[in-house]
PDB file of N, CA and C in Angstrom:
ATOM      1  N   MET A   1     108.033 127.249 105.792  1.00  0.00           N
ATOM      2  CA  MET A   1     108.180 126.450 104.591  1.00  0.00           C
ATOM      3  C   MET A   1     109.311 125.433 104.742  1.00  0.00           C
ATOM      4  N   ASP A   2     110.195 125.637 105.712  1.00  0.00           N
ATOM      5  CA  ASP A   2     111.293 124.697 105.871  1.00  0.00           C
ATOM      6  C   ASP A   2     110.883 123.446 106.622  1.00  0.00           C
ATOM      7  N   LYS A   3     109.761 123.466 107.342  1.00  0.00           N
ATOM      8  CA  LYS A   3     109.357 122.307 108.143  1.00  0.00           C
ATOM      9  C   LYS A   3     107.944 121.824 107.858  1.00  0.00           C
ATOM     10  N   LYS A   4     107.195 122.513 107.037  1.00  0.00           N
ATOM     11  CA  LYS A   4     105.829 122.113 106.707  1.00  0.00           C
ATOM     12  C   LYS A   4     105.704 121.882 105.213  1.00  0.00           C
ATOM     13  N   VAL A   5     104.651 121.173 104.838  1.00  0.00           N
ATOM     14  CA  VAL A   5     104.369 120.903 103.428  1.00  0.00           C
ATOM     15  C   VAL A   5     102.999 121.482 103.095  1.00  0.00           C
ATOM     16  N   TYR A   6     102.898 122.106 101.939  1.00  0.00           N
ATOM     17  CA  TYR A   6     101.668 122.742 101.490  1.00  0.00           C
ATOM     18  C   TYR A   6     101.313 122.207 100.103  1.00  0.00           C
ATOM     19  N   SER A   7     100.029 122.241  99.794  1.00  0.00           N
ATOM     20  CA  SER A   7      99.607 121.823  98.454  1.00  0.00           C
ATOM     21  C   SER A   7      98.424 122.660  98.002  1.00  0.00           C
ATOM     22  N   ASP A   8      98.306 122.787  96.692  1.00  0.00           N
ATOM     23  CA  ASP A   8      97.185 123.478  96.059  1.00  0.00           C
ATOM     24  C   ASP A   8      96.747 122.676  94.853  1.00  0.00           C
ATOM     25  N   LEU A   9      95.441 122.633  94.618  1.00  0.00           N
ATOM     26  CA  LEU A   9      94.897 121.958  93.447  1.00  0.00           C
ATOM     27  C   LEU A   9      94.216 122.997  92.566  1.00  0.00           C
ATOM     28  N   TYR A  10      94.722 123.121  91.350  1.00  0.00           N
ATOM     29  CA  TYR A  10      94.149 124.036  90.364  1.00  0.00           C
ATOM     30  C   TYR A  10      93.414 123.205  89.314  1.00  0.00           C
ATOM     31  N   VAL A  11      92.209 123.639  88.995  1.00  0.00           N
ATOM     32  CA  VAL A  11      91.402 122.972  87.974  1.00  0.00           C
ATOM     33  C   VAL A  11      91.124 123.991  86.887  1.00  0.00           C
ATOM     34  N   ASP A  12      91.576 123.668  85.679  1.00  0.00           N
ATOM     35  CA  ASP A  12      91.453 124.596  84.550  1.00  0.00           C
ATOM     36  C   ASP A  12      91.967 125.995  84.914  1.00  0.00           C
ATOM     37  N   GLY A  13      93.066 126.043  85.656  1.00  0.00           N
ATOM     38  CA  GLY A  13      93.731 127.294  85.976  1.00  0.00           C
ATOM     39  C   GLY A  13      93.263 128.017  87.226  1.00  0.00           C
ATOM     40  N   SER A  14      92.206 127.511  87.875  1.00  0.00           N
ATOM     41  CA  SER A  14      91.689 128.169  89.083  1.00  0.00           C
ATOM     42  C   SER A  14      91.888 127.286  90.309  1.00  0.00           C
ATOM     43  N   LEU A  15      92.279 127.898  91.411  1.00  0.00           N
ATOM     44  CA  LEU A  15      92.422 127.177  92.671  1.00  0.00           C
ATOM     45  C   LEU A  15      91.038 126.735  93.123  1.00  0.00           C
ATOM     46  N   ARG A  16      90.878 125.437  93.373  1.00  0.00           N
ATOM     47  CA  ARG A  16      89.555 124.909  93.734  1.00  0.00           C
ATOM     48  C   ARG A  16      89.647 124.147  95.047  1.00  0.00           C
ATOM     49  N   GLN A  17      88.576 124.270  95.880  1.00  0.00           N
ATOM     50  CA  GLN A  17      88.567 123.555  97.146  1.00  0.00           C
ATOM     51  C   GLN A  17      87.200 123.010  97.524  1.00  0.00           C
ATOM     52  N   ASP A  18      86.171 123.181  96.689  1.00  0.00           N
ATOM     53  CA  ASP A  18      84.871 122.693  97.109  1.00  0.00           C
ATOM     54  C   ASP A  18      84.101 121.970  96.005  1.00  0.00           C
ATOM     55  N   ASN A  19      83.556 122.685  95.019  1.00  0.00           N
ATOM     56  CA  ASN A  19      82.798 122.025  93.956  1.00  0.00           C
ATOM     57  C   ASN A  19      82.960 122.775  92.647  1.00  0.00           C
ATOM     58  N   LEU A  20      82.623 122.069  91.583  1.00  0.00           N
ATOM     59  CA  LEU A  20      82.789 122.649  90.252  1.00  0.00           C
ATOM     60  C   LEU A  20      81.839 121.967  89.282  1.00  0.00           C
ATOM     61  N   GLN A  21      81.062 122.765  88.563  1.00  0.00           N
ATOM     62  CA  GLN A  21      80.232 122.208  87.513  1.00  0.00           C
ATOM     63  C   GLN A  21      81.103 122.011  86.286  1.00  0.00           C
ATOM     64  N   ILE A  22      81.036 120.819  85.702  1.00  0.00           N
ATOM     65  CA  ILE A  22      81.875 120.487  84.556  1.00  0.00           C
ATOM     66  C   ILE A  22      81.004 120.239  83.330  1.00  0.00           C
ATOM     67  N   LYS A  23      81.634 120.285  82.163  1.00  0.00           N
ATOM     68  CA  LYS A  23      80.936 120.002  80.908  1.00  0.00           C
ATOM     69  C   LYS A  23      80.783 118.495  80.737  1.00  0.00           C
ATOM     70  N   LYS A  24      79.961 118.098  79.790  1.00  0.00           N
ATOM     71  CA  LYS A  24      79.749 116.673  79.536  1.00  0.00           C
ATOM     72  C   LYS A  24      80.860 116.063  78.704  1.00  0.00           C
ATOM     73  N   SER A  25      81.570 116.910  77.954  1.00  0.00           N
ATOM     74  CA  SER A  25      82.661 116.392  77.125  1.00  0.00           C
ATOM     75  C   SER A  25      83.836 117.362  77.162  1.00  0.00           C
ATOM     76  N   GLY A  26      84.939 116.919  76.594  1.00  0.00           N
ATOM     77  CA  GLY A  26      86.154 117.720  76.632  1.00  0.00           C
ATOM     78  C   GLY A  26      87.097 117.182  77.686  1.00  0.00           C
ATOM     79  N   THR A  27      87.988 118.039  78.160  1.00  0.00           N
ATOM     80  CA  THR A  27      88.933 117.613  79.189  1.00  0.00           C
ATOM     81  C   THR A  27      88.945 118.610  80.338  1.00  0.00           C
ATOM     82  N   LEU A  28      89.378 118.114  81.466  1.00  0.00           N
ATOM     83  CA  LEU A  28      89.552 118.904  82.666  1.00  0.00           C
ATOM     84  C   LEU A  28      91.040 118.881  82.987  1.00  0.00           C
ATOM     85  N   HIS A  29      91.660 120.067  83.068  1.00  0.00           N
ATOM     86  CA  HIS A  29      93.103 120.119  83.311  1.00  0.00           C
ATOM     87  C   HIS A  29      93.370 120.339  84.803  1.00  0.00           C
ATOM     88  N   LEU A  30      94.139 119.425  85.406  1.00  0.00           N
ATOM     89  CA  LEU A  30      94.525 119.525  86.809  1.00  0.00           C
ATOM     90  C   LEU A  30      95.976 119.940  86.915  1.00  0.00           C
ATOM     91  N   SER A  31      96.267 120.819  87.854  1.00  0.00           N
ATOM     92  CA  SER A  31      97.638 121.173  88.228  1.00  0.00           C
ATOM     93  C   SER A  31      97.709 121.064  89.740  1.00  0.00           C
ATOM     94  N   PHE A  32      98.478 120.101  90.209  1.00  0.00           N
ATOM     95  CA  PHE A  32      98.656 119.897  91.644  1.00  0.00           C
ATOM     96  C   PHE A  32     100.027 120.411  92.022  1.00  0.00           C
ATOM     97  N   LYS A  33     100.065 121.333  92.977  1.00  0.00           N
ATOM     98  CA  LYS A  33     101.327 121.941  93.390  1.00  0.00           C
ATOM     99  C   LYS A  33     101.630 121.536  94.827  1.00  0.00           C
ATOM    100  N   LEU A  34     102.845 121.029  95.029  1.00  0.00           N
ATOM    101  CA  LEU A  34     103.294 120.557  96.333  1.00  0.00           C
ATOM    102  C   LEU A  34     104.604 121.265  96.645  1.00  0.00           C
ATOM    103  N   PHE A  35     104.708 121.866  97.829  1.00  0.00           N
ATOM    104  CA  PHE A  35     105.910 122.631  98.151  1.00  0.00           C
ATOM    105  C   PHE A  35     106.103 122.694  99.664  1.00  0.00           C
ATOM    106  N   GLY A  36     107.323 123.016 100.064  1.00  0.00           N
ATOM    107  CA  GLY A  36     107.628 123.145 101.487  1.00  0.00           C
ATOM    108  C   GLY A  36     108.899 122.412 101.854  1.00  0.00           C
ATOM    109  N   HIS A  37     108.851 121.678 102.932  1.00  0.00           N
ATOM    110  CA  HIS A  37     109.984 121.009 103.578  1.00  0.00           C
ATOM    111  C   HIS A  37     110.970 120.394 102.573  1.00  0.00           C
ATOM    112  N   PRO A  38     112.157 121.014 102.414  1.00  0.00           N
ATOM    113  CA  PRO A  38     113.135 120.492 101.448  1.00  0.00           C
ATOM    114  C   PRO A  38     113.618 119.090 101.815  1.00  0.00           C
ATOM    115  N   GLY A  39     113.764 118.258 100.800  1.00  0.00           N
ATOM    116  CA  GLY A  39     114.298 116.913 100.971  1.00  0.00           C
ATOM    117  C   GLY A  39     113.260 115.831 101.112  1.00  0.00           C
ATOM    118  N   ILE A  40     112.023 116.187 101.397  1.00  0.00           N
ATOM    119  CA  ILE A  40     110.978 115.182 101.537  1.00  0.00           C
ATOM    120  C   ILE A  40     110.549 114.713 100.151  1.00  0.00           C
ATOM    121  N   ARG A  41     110.411 113.404 100.007  1.00  0.00           N
ATOM    122  CA  ARG A  41     109.884 112.822  98.774  1.00  0.00           C
ATOM    123  C   ARG A  41     108.455 112.364  99.037  1.00  0.00           C
ATOM    124  N   TYR A  42     107.588 112.687  98.125  1.00  0.00           N
ATOM    125  CA  TYR A  42     106.185 112.304  98.232  1.00  0.00           C
ATOM    126  C   TYR A  42     105.774 111.468  97.028  1.00  0.00           C
ATOM    127  N   ARG A  43     104.889 110.506  97.275  1.00  0.00           N
ATOM    128  CA  ARG A  43     104.254 109.733  96.213  1.00  0.00           C
ATOM    129  C   ARG A  43     102.795 110.157  96.201  1.00  0.00           C
ATOM    130  N   SER A  44     102.376 110.815  95.123  1.00  0.00           N
ATOM    131  CA  SER A  44     101.030 111.386  95.020  1.00  0.00           C
ATOM    132  C   SER A  44     100.176 110.565  94.061  1.00  0.00           C
ATOM    133  N   THR A  45      98.910 110.399  94.442  1.00  0.00           N
ATOM    134  CA  THR A  45      97.958 109.649  93.634  1.00  0.00           C
ATOM    135  C   THR A  45      96.678 110.470  93.496  1.00  0.00           C
ATOM    136  N   ILE A  46      96.156 110.542  92.283  1.00  0.00           N
ATOM    137  CA  ILE A  46      94.899 111.236  92.004  1.00  0.00           C
ATOM    138  C   ILE A  46      93.764 110.219  92.122  1.00  0.00           C
ATOM    139  N   TYR A  47      92.728 110.584  92.850  1.00  0.00           N
ATOM    140  CA  TYR A  47      91.568 109.700  93.027  1.00  0.00           C
ATOM    141  C   TYR A  47      90.314 110.368  92.476  1.00  0.00           C
ATOM    142  N   ILE A  48      89.501 109.570  91.799  1.00  0.00           N
ATOM    143  CA  ILE A  48      88.153 109.988  91.417  1.00  0.00           C
ATOM    144  C   ILE A  48      87.214 108.901  91.906  1.00  0.00           C
ATOM    145  N   ASN A  49      86.230 109.328  92.689  1.00  0.00           N
ATOM    146  CA  ASN A  49      85.276 108.397  93.295  1.00  0.00           C
ATOM    147  C   ASN A  49      85.996 107.280  94.049  1.00  0.00           C
ATOM    148  N   HIS A  50      87.042 107.646  94.750  1.00  0.00           N
ATOM    149  CA  HIS A  50      87.821 106.769  95.626  1.00  0.00           C
ATOM    150  C   HIS A  50      88.575 105.669  94.884  1.00  0.00           C
ATOM    151  N   SER A  51      88.755 105.839  93.592  1.00  0.00           N
ATOM    152  CA  SER A  51      89.561 104.913  92.787  1.00  0.00           C
ATOM    153  C   SER A  51      90.743 105.689  92.205  1.00  0.00           C
ATOM    154  N   ALA A  52      91.915 105.081  92.292  1.00  0.00           N
ATOM    155  CA  ALA A  52      93.128 105.743  91.796  1.00  0.00           C
ATOM    156  C   ALA A  52      93.103 105.824  90.277  1.00  0.00           C
ATOM    157  N   LEU A  53      93.467 106.987  89.758  1.00  0.00           N
ATOM    158  CA  LEU A  53      93.633 107.142  88.314  1.00  0.00           C
ATOM    159  C   LEU A  53      95.022 106.640  87.946  1.00  0.00           C
ATOM    160  N   SER A  54      95.163 106.144  86.760  1.00  0.00           N
ATOM    161  CA  SER A  54      96.487 105.678  86.339  1.00  0.00           C
ATOM    162  C   SER A  54      96.820 106.222  84.962  1.00  0.00           C
ATOM    163  N   THR A  55      98.120 106.310  84.704  1.00  0.00           N
ATOM    164  CA  THR A  55      98.604 106.672  83.382  1.00  0.00           C
ATOM    165  C   THR A  55      99.030 105.382  82.709  1.00  0.00           C
ATOM    166  N   LYS A  56      99.622 105.486  81.548  1.00  0.00           N
ATOM    167  CA  LYS A  56     100.101 104.291  80.853  1.00  0.00           C
ATOM    168  C   LYS A  56     101.181 103.578  81.646  1.00  0.00           C
ATOM    169  N   ASN A  57     101.966 104.339  82.444  1.00  0.00           N
ATOM    170  CA  ASN A  57     103.120 103.765  83.129  1.00  0.00           C
ATOM    171  C   ASN A  57     102.998 103.666  84.635  1.00  0.00           C
ATOM    172  N   ALA A  58     102.068 104.400  85.263  1.00  0.00           N
ATOM    173  CA  ALA A  58     102.060 104.434  86.723  1.00  0.00           C
ATOM    174  C   ALA A  58     100.693 104.832  87.281  1.00  0.00           C
ATOM    175  N   VAL A  59     100.537 104.565  88.571  1.00  0.00           N
ATOM    176  CA  VAL A  59      99.347 104.992  89.299  1.00  0.00           C
ATOM    177  C   VAL A  59      99.667 106.234  90.125  1.00  0.00           C
ATOM    178  N   SER A  60     100.914 106.352  90.567  1.00  0.00           N
ATOM    179  CA  SER A  60     101.295 107.494  91.391  1.00  0.00           C
ATOM    180  C   SER A  60     102.513 108.201  90.801  1.00  0.00           C
ATOM    181  N   PHE A  61     102.748 109.402  91.311  1.00  0.00           N
ATOM    182  CA  PHE A  61     103.830 110.244  90.830  1.00  0.00           C
ATOM    183  C   PHE A  61     104.724 110.584  92.008  1.00  0.00           C
ATOM    184  N   GLU A  62     106.027 110.359  91.888  1.00  0.00           N
ATOM    185  CA  GLU A  62     106.933 110.668  92.982  1.00  0.00           C
ATOM    186  C   GLU A  62     107.640 111.989  92.714  1.00  0.00           C
ATOM    187  N   THR A  63     107.682 112.823  93.752  1.00  0.00           N
ATOM    188  CA  THR A  63     108.351 114.115  93.653  1.00  0.00           C
ATOM    189  C   THR A  63     109.214 114.326  94.882  1.00  0.00           C
ATOM    190  N   LYS A  64     110.292 115.071  94.710  1.00  0.00           N
ATOM    191  CA  LYS A  64     111.159 115.446  95.829  1.00  0.00           C
ATOM    192  C   LYS A  64     111.097 116.958  95.969  1.00  0.00           C
ATOM    193  N   LEU A  65     110.777 117.408  97.173  1.00  0.00           N
ATOM    194  CA  LEU A  65     110.665 118.842  97.418  1.00  0.00           C
ATOM    195  C   LEU A  65     112.050 119.441  97.602  1.00  0.00           C
ATOM    196  N   THR A  66     112.267 120.590  96.986  1.00  0.00           N
ATOM    197  CA  THR A  66     113.536 121.303  97.105  1.00  0.00           C
ATOM    198  C   THR A  66     113.257 122.735  97.535  1.00  0.00           C
ATOM    199  N   LYS A  67     114.203 123.317  98.225  1.00  0.00           N
ATOM    200  CA  LYS A  67     114.043 124.673  98.758  1.00  0.00           C
ATOM    201  C   LYS A  67     113.818 125.676  97.623  1.00  0.00           C
ATOM    202  N   GLY A  68     112.768 126.473  97.777  1.00  0.00           N
ATOM    203  CA  GLY A  68     112.479 127.525  96.817  1.00  0.00           C
ATOM    204  C   GLY A  68     111.785 127.070  95.548  1.00  0.00           C
ATOM    205  N   ASN A  69     111.413 125.786  95.463  1.00  0.00           N
ATOM    206  CA  ASN A  69     110.770 125.268  94.252  1.00  0.00           C
ATOM    207  C   ASN A  69     109.410 124.657  94.570  1.00  0.00           C
ATOM    208  N   ILE A  70     108.608 124.546  93.540  1.00  0.00           N
ATOM    209  CA  ILE A  70     107.288 123.926  93.656  1.00  0.00           C
ATOM    210  C   ILE A  70     107.259 122.709  92.737  1.00  0.00           C
ATOM    211  N   ALA A  71     106.887 121.549  93.298  1.00  0.00           N
ATOM    212  CA  ALA A  71     106.700 120.350  92.477  1.00  0.00           C
ATOM    213  C   ALA A  71     105.297 120.430  91.872  1.00  0.00           C
ATOM    214  N   ILE A  72     105.200 120.223  90.566  1.00  0.00           N
ATOM    215  CA  ILE A  72     103.910 120.337  89.880  1.00  0.00           C
ATOM    216  C   ILE A  72     103.613 119.043  89.145  1.00  0.00           C
ATOM    217  N   ILE A  73     102.414 118.511  89.391  1.00  0.00           N
ATOM    218  CA  ILE A  73     101.920 117.339  88.664  1.00  0.00           C
ATOM    219  C   ILE A  73     100.724 117.815  87.862  1.00  0.00           C
ATOM    220  N   GLU A  74     100.745 117.558  86.558  1.00  0.00           N
ATOM    221  CA  GLU A  74      99.638 117.976  85.705  1.00  0.00           C
ATOM    222  C   GLU A  74      98.987 116.761  85.062  1.00  0.00           C
ATOM    223  N   ALA A  75      97.672 116.841  84.898  1.00  0.00           N
ATOM    224  CA  ALA A  75      96.927 115.744  84.283  1.00  0.00           C
ATOM    225  C   ALA A  75      95.704 116.311  83.575  1.00  0.00           C
ATOM    226  N   ASP A  76      95.295 115.636  82.525  1.00  0.00           N
ATOM    227  CA  ASP A  76      94.056 115.965  81.823  1.00  0.00           C
ATOM    228  C   ASP A  76      93.104 114.791  81.981  1.00  0.00           C
ATOM    229  N   ILE A  77      91.869 115.094  82.361  1.00  0.00           N
ATOM    230  CA  ILE A  77      90.862 114.064  82.585  1.00  0.00           C
ATOM    231  C   ILE A  77      89.794 114.185  81.515  1.00  0.00           C
ATOM    232  N   ASP A  78      89.471 113.062  80.885  1.00  0.00           N
ATOM    233  CA  ASP A  78      88.440 112.995  79.856  1.00  0.00           C
ATOM    234  C   ASP A  78      87.075 113.064  80.537  1.00  0.00           C
ATOM    235  N   LEU A  79      86.336 114.150  80.309  1.00  0.00           N
ATOM    236  CA  LEU A  79      85.062 114.366  80.989  1.00  0.00           C
ATOM    237  C   LEU A  79      83.987 113.356  80.604  1.00  0.00           C
ATOM    238  N   GLU A  80      84.071 112.808  79.407  1.00  0.00           N
ATOM    239  CA  GLU A  80      83.063 111.825  78.980  1.00  0.00           C
ATOM    240  C   GLU A  80      83.118 110.554  79.816  1.00  0.00           C
ATOM    241  N   LYS A  81      84.256 110.284  80.452  1.00  0.00           N
ATOM    242  CA  LYS A  81      84.407 109.067  81.261  1.00  0.00           C
ATOM    243  C   LYS A  81      83.931 109.252  82.698  1.00  0.00           C
ATOM    244  N   LEU A  82      83.562 110.488  83.054  1.00  0.00           N
ATOM    245  CA  LEU A  82      83.103 110.753  84.413  1.00  0.00           C
ATOM    246  C   LEU A  82      81.598 110.561  84.535  1.00  0.00           C
ATOM    247  N   GLU A  83      81.172 110.291  85.759  1.00  0.00           N
ATOM    248  CA  GLU A  83      79.751 110.160  86.048  1.00  0.00           C
ATOM    249  C   GLU A  83      79.153 111.553  86.237  1.00  0.00           C
ATOM    250  N   ASN A  84      77.865 111.623  86.560  1.00  0.00           N
ATOM    251  CA  ASN A  84      77.226 112.922  86.768  1.00  0.00           C
ATOM    252  C   ASN A  84      77.719 113.620  88.031  1.00  0.00           C
ATOM    253  N   PHE A  85      78.074 112.841  89.063  1.00  0.00           N
ATOM    254  CA  PHE A  85      78.627 113.373  90.301  1.00  0.00           C
ATOM    255  C   PHE A  85      79.907 112.610  90.613  1.00  0.00           C
ATOM    256  N   ASN A  86      80.991 113.329  90.882  1.00  0.00           N
ATOM    257  CA  ASN A  86      82.295 112.715  91.100  1.00  0.00           C
ATOM    258  C   ASN A  86      83.018 113.416  92.235  1.00  0.00           C
ATOM    259  N   THR A  87      83.784 112.657  92.988  1.00  0.00           N
ATOM    260  CA  THR A  87      84.627 113.216  94.031  1.00  0.00           C
ATOM    261  C   THR A  87      86.076 113.087  93.579  1.00  0.00           C
ATOM    262  N   LEU A  88      86.794 114.204  93.578  1.00  0.00           N
ATOM    263  CA  LEU A  88      88.194 114.247  93.143  1.00  0.00           C
ATOM    264  C   LEU A  88      89.059 114.734  94.290  1.00  0.00           C
ATOM    265  N   TYR A  89      90.163 114.034  94.534  1.00  0.00           N
ATOM    266  CA  TYR A  89      91.145 114.493  95.514  1.00  0.00           C
ATOM    267  C   TYR A  89      92.488 113.850  95.205  1.00  0.00           C
ATOM    268  N   ILE A  90      93.531 114.393  95.826  1.00  0.00           N
ATOM    269  CA  ILE A  90      94.881 113.865  95.643  1.00  0.00           C
ATOM    270  C   ILE A  90      95.478 113.592  97.013  1.00  0.00           C
ATOM    271  N   VAL A  91      96.049 112.406  97.163  1.00  0.00           N
ATOM    272  CA  VAL A  91      96.710 112.014  98.407  1.00  0.00           C
ATOM    273  C   VAL A  91      98.205 111.892  98.125  1.00  0.00           C
ATOM    274  N   SER A  92      99.004 112.533  98.982  1.00  0.00           N
ATOM    275  CA  SER A  92     100.460 112.482  98.860  1.00  0.00           C
ATOM    276  C   SER A  92     101.031 111.859 100.133  1.00  0.00           C
ATOM    277  N   ILE A  93     101.741 110.764  99.955  1.00  0.00           N
ATOM    278  CA  ILE A  93     102.304 110.011 101.077  1.00  0.00           C
ATOM    279  C   ILE A  93     103.806 110.249 101.121  1.00  0.00           C
ATOM    280  N   PRO A  94     104.339 110.642 102.298  1.00  0.00           N
ATOM    281  CA  PRO A  94     105.784 110.824 102.399  1.00  0.00           C
ATOM    282  C   PRO A  94     106.504 109.477 102.289  1.00  0.00           C
ATOM    283  N   VAL A  95     107.524 109.443 101.453  1.00  0.00           N
ATOM    284  CA  VAL A  95     108.265 108.201 101.206  1.00  0.00           C
ATOM    285  C   VAL A  95     109.460 108.075 102.145  1.00  0.00           C
ATOM    286  N   ASN A  96     110.066 109.192 102.500  1.00  0.00           N
ATOM    287  CA  ASN A  96     111.302 109.145 103.282  1.00  0.00           C
ATOM    288  C   ASN A  96     111.194 109.918 104.596  1.00  0.00           C
ATOM    289  N   ALA A  97     110.056 109.854 105.261  1.00  0.00           N
ATOM    290  CA  ALA A  97     109.856 110.590 106.514  1.00  0.00           C
ATOM    291  C   ALA A  97     110.867 110.171 107.583  1.00  0.00           C
ATOM    292  N   ASN A  98     111.310 108.924 107.559  1.00  0.00           N
ATOM    293  CA  ASN A  98     112.280 108.448 108.551  1.00  0.00           C
ATOM    294  C   ASN A  98     113.623 109.160 108.445  1.00  0.00           C
ATOM    295  N   ASP A  99     113.906 109.787 107.322  1.00  0.00           N
ATOM    296  CA  ASP A  99     115.151 110.541 107.158  1.00  0.00           C
ATOM    297  C   ASP A  99     115.144 111.841 107.970  1.00  0.00           C
ATOM    298  N   PHE A 100     113.986 112.209 108.504  1.00  0.00           N
ATOM    299  CA  PHE A 100     113.830 113.459 109.242  1.00  0.00           C
ATOM    300  C   PHE A 100     113.171 113.165 110.597  1.00  0.00           C
ATOM    301  N   PRO A 101     113.879 112.455 111.500  1.00  0.00           N
ATOM    302  CA  PRO A 101     113.262 111.996 112.762  1.00  0.00           C
ATOM    303  C   PRO A 101     112.816 113.123 113.686  1.00  0.00           C
ATOM    304  N   ASP A 102     113.359 114.314 113.565  1.00  0.00           N
ATOM    305  CA  ASP A 102     112.984 115.420 114.443  1.00  0.00           C
ATOM    306  C   ASP A 102     111.828 116.259 113.903  1.00  0.00           C
ATOM    307  N   ASP A 103     111.358 115.941 112.713  1.00  0.00           N
ATOM    308  CA  ASP A 103     110.281 116.722 112.088  1.00  0.00           C
ATOM    309  C   ASP A 103     109.005 115.898 112.018  1.00  0.00           C
ATOM    310  N   VAL A 104     107.882 116.591 112.013  1.00  0.00           N
ATOM    311  CA  VAL A 104     106.587 115.929 111.862  1.00  0.00           C
ATOM    312  C   VAL A 104     106.249 115.929 110.373  1.00  0.00           C
ATOM    313  N   ILE A 105     106.376 114.780 109.755  1.00  0.00           N
ATOM    314  CA  ILE A 105     106.100 114.631 108.323  1.00  0.00           C
ATOM    315  C   ILE A 105     104.839 113.778 108.199  1.00  0.00           C
ATOM    316  N   ILE A 106     103.786 114.355 107.615  1.00  0.00           N
ATOM    317  CA  ILE A 106     102.517 113.634 107.553  1.00  0.00           C
ATOM    318  C   ILE A 106     102.000 113.545 106.115  1.00  0.00           C
ATOM    319  N   LEU A 107     101.021 112.712 105.952  1.00  0.00           N
ATOM    320  CA  LEU A 107     100.309 112.558 104.687  1.00  0.00           C
ATOM    321  C   LEU A 107      99.638 113.887 104.349  1.00  0.00           C
ATOM    322  N   ASP A 108      99.561 114.206 103.063  1.00  0.00           N
ATOM    323  CA  ASP A 108      98.888 115.411 102.603  1.00  0.00           C
ATOM    324  C   ASP A 108      97.732 114.991 101.704  1.00  0.00           C
ATOM    325  N   LYS A 109      96.539 115.504 101.982  1.00  0.00           N
ATOM    326  CA  LYS A 109      95.368 115.243 101.143  1.00  0.00           C
ATOM    327  C   LYS A 109      94.728 116.579 100.798  1.00  0.00           C
ATOM    328  N   THR A 110      94.418 116.752  99.527  1.00  0.00           N
ATOM    329  CA  THR A 110      93.714 117.964  99.121  1.00  0.00           C
ATOM    330  C   THR A 110      92.271 117.873  99.616  1.00  0.00           C
ATOM    331  N   PRO A 111      91.592 118.995  99.719  1.00  0.00           N
ATOM    332  CA  PRO A 111      90.162 118.918  99.996  1.00  0.00           C
ATOM    333  C   PRO A 111      89.464 118.139  98.877  1.00  0.00           C
ATOM    334  N   SER A 112      88.429 117.400  99.246  1.00  0.00           N
ATOM    335  CA  SER A 112      87.654 116.665  98.237  1.00  0.00           C
ATOM    336  C   SER A 112      86.864 117.666  97.409  1.00  0.00           C
ATOM    337  N   LEU A 113      86.932 117.513  96.109  1.00  0.00           N
ATOM    338  CA  LEU A 113      86.286 118.422  95.183  1.00  0.00           C
ATOM    339  C   LEU A 113      85.142 117.694  94.487  1.00  0.00           C
ATOM    340  N   LEU A 114      83.932 118.220  94.620  1.00  0.00           N
ATOM    341  CA  LEU A 114      82.779 117.642  93.947  1.00  0.00           C
ATOM    342  C   LEU A 114      82.733 118.172  92.517  1.00  0.00           C
ATOM    343  N   LEU A 115      82.766 117.262  91.557  1.00  0.00           N
ATOM    344  CA  LEU A 115      82.598 117.605  90.140  1.00  0.00           C
ATOM    345  C   LEU A 115      81.216 117.133  89.726  1.00  0.00           C
ATOM    346  N   TYR A 116      80.416 118.001  89.174  1.00  0.00           N
ATOM    347  CA  TYR A 116      79.070 117.594  88.758  1.00  0.00           C
ATOM    348  C   TYR A 116      78.750 118.159  87.376  1.00  0.00           C
ATOM    349  N   LYS A 117      77.963 117.369  86.641  1.00  0.00           N
ATOM    350  CA  LYS A 117      77.571 117.766  85.283  1.00  0.00           C
ATOM    351  C   LYS A 117      76.215 118.431  85.289  1.00  0.00           C
TER     352      LYS A 117
END
């Protein structure tokens, strides 16, 4: 955990890595957890159908990993705005990898999750 970065994507409270049947209306709650190598800052972006989702203020979320802690990004997605078949994933790009020249710091991408109605 001191030299690697790990992530998990929870959808409506369950760890998901492949596909999920969703309702036609309501919301889908995402919890993205990023943890590991202390001191690394990541800029994470949520994608649906290869387009970045945005909030009122930003497209991405920046987090700094600290020892013994988990960075959590939460979002609610309006299901009525989704198509019948959707691909969801999160990409996290290291912002300060150059600060750790002896470590291998790479991009983190969650598995693509198929959402279907």
